Amino acid sequence: METSNRHHQIWGGPQDVGMLMVSYFGPFYLSYNVLAIDADYRYALVSGSGLDYLWILSREMTIPDDIKSRFLSLAWKTGFKVEELEWV
């Protein structure tokens, strides 16, 4: 469990499973699920509790094409509408 002035987080399952529950508003928690991560921990594919929220997180300004393709393929196979992603 981690707490700061802005949020409170707890593990959403066993600590070897990439699932966090984060509260920004009192007793209400949002789920964050790590679906994939590269070997060097530079890129991660993260979702909410359903198929409405999906993020590709990066420590770099760009994402290599092979990582992007692998993550998008996994997201599509999972049921996400990857054609609706907004790239920022």
Protein backbone atom coordinates (compact mmCIF):
# COMPACT_ATOMS: atom_id res chain seq x y z
CA MET A 1 0.00 0.00 0.00
CA GLU A 2 1.24 3.49 -0.86
CA THR A 3 -0.31 6.77 0.19
CA SER A 4 0.43 10.35 -0.86
CA ASN A 5 -1.43 13.61 -0.50
CA ARG A 6 -3.16 12.95 -3.82
CA HIS A 7 -3.90 9.23 -3.94
CA HIS A 8 -3.99 5.91 -2.12
CA GLN A 9 -3.10 2.64 -3.84
CA ILE A 10 -3.33 -1.02 -2.93
CA TRP A 11 -2.54 -4.24 -4.76
CA GLY A 12 -5.58 -5.55 -6.63
CA GLY A 13 -4.45 -9.16 -6.20
CA PRO A 14 -1.23 -11.03 -5.44
CA GLN A 15 1.83 -8.79 -5.64
CA ASP A 16 3.23 -10.81 -8.55
CA VAL A 17 0.15 -9.86 -10.63
CA GLY A 18 0.19 -6.42 -12.28
CA MET A 19 -3.04 -5.08 -10.81
CA LEU A 20 -3.38 -1.93 -8.71
CA MET A 21 -6.39 -0.27 -7.18
CA VAL A 22 -5.90 3.52 -6.91
CA SER A 23 -8.14 5.94 -5.05
CA TYR A 24 -8.13 9.62 -5.93
CA PHE A 25 -11.52 10.38 -4.34
CA GLY A 26 -11.91 8.92 -0.88
CA PRO A 27 -13.32 5.38 -0.83
CA PHE A 28 -13.66 5.05 -4.63
CA TYR A 29 -10.97 2.93 -6.32
CA LEU A 30 -10.02 2.63 -9.99
CA SER A 31 -8.37 -0.49 -11.39
CA TYR A 32 -5.14 -0.39 -13.34
CA ASN A 33 -4.05 -3.66 -14.96
CA VAL A 34 -0.60 -4.16 -16.48
CA LEU A 35 -1.23 -6.30 -19.56
CA ALA A 36 2.31 -6.29 -20.94
CA ILE A 37 5.71 -4.79 -20.23
CA ASP A 38 8.96 -4.91 -22.16
CA ALA A 39 12.03 -6.67 -20.76
CA ASP A 40 13.71 -3.38 -19.78
CA TYR A 41 10.63 -1.85 -18.11
CA ARG A 42 10.59 1.09 -20.54
CA TYR A 43 7.15 0.45 -22.06
CA ALA A 44 3.94 -0.89 -20.56
CA LEU A 45 0.46 -1.70 -21.82
CA VAL A 46 -2.04 -0.78 -19.10
CA SER A 47 -5.84 -0.97 -18.99
CA GLY A 48 -8.67 -0.04 -16.72
CA SER A 49 -11.06 -2.64 -15.33
CA GLY A 50 -12.88 -3.09 -18.65
CA LEU A 51 -12.33 -2.39 -22.33
CA ASP A 52 -12.95 1.38 -22.13
CA TYR A 53 -9.49 2.54 -21.04
CA LEU A 54 -6.11 1.57 -22.47
CA TRP A 55 -2.71 3.24 -22.24
CA ILE A 56 0.71 2.56 -23.66
CA LEU A 57 3.12 4.10 -21.19
CA SER A 58 6.66 4.98 -22.21
CA ARG A 59 9.75 6.31 -20.48
CA GLU A 60 10.91 7.49 -23.92
CA MET A 61 9.49 10.10 -26.29
CA THR A 62 8.87 7.44 -28.96
CA ILE A 63 7.84 3.79 -28.93
CA PRO A 64 9.74 1.36 -31.18
CA ASP A 65 7.56 -0.10 -33.95
CA ASP A 66 8.05 -3.69 -32.74
CA ILE A 67 6.86 -2.83 -29.21
CA LYS A 68 3.93 -0.80 -30.55
CA SER A 69 2.89 -3.64 -32.90
CA ARG A 70 3.14 -6.26 -30.17
CA PHE A 71 1.13 -4.17 -27.69
CA LEU A 72 -1.53 -3.22 -30.25
CA SER A 73 -1.90 -6.84 -31.34
CA LEU A 74 -2.35 -7.98 -27.74
CA ALA A 75 -4.85 -5.18 -27.07
CA TRP A 76 -6.84 -6.05 -30.20
CA LYS A 77 -6.88 -9.78 -29.30
CA THR A 78 -8.07 -8.82 -25.81
CA GLY A 79 -11.00 -6.90 -27.30
CA PHE A 80 -9.88 -3.26 -27.25
CA LYS A 81 -10.85 -1.01 -30.16
CA VAL A 82 -7.28 -0.06 -31.04
CA GLU A 83 -8.42 1.98 -34.04
CA GLU A 84 -9.95 4.46 -31.57
CA LEU A 85 -6.74 5.10 -29.62
CA GLU A 86 -5.65 8.73 -29.35
CA TRP A 87 -1.90 9.17 -29.74
CA VAL A 88 -0.45 12.06 -27.75
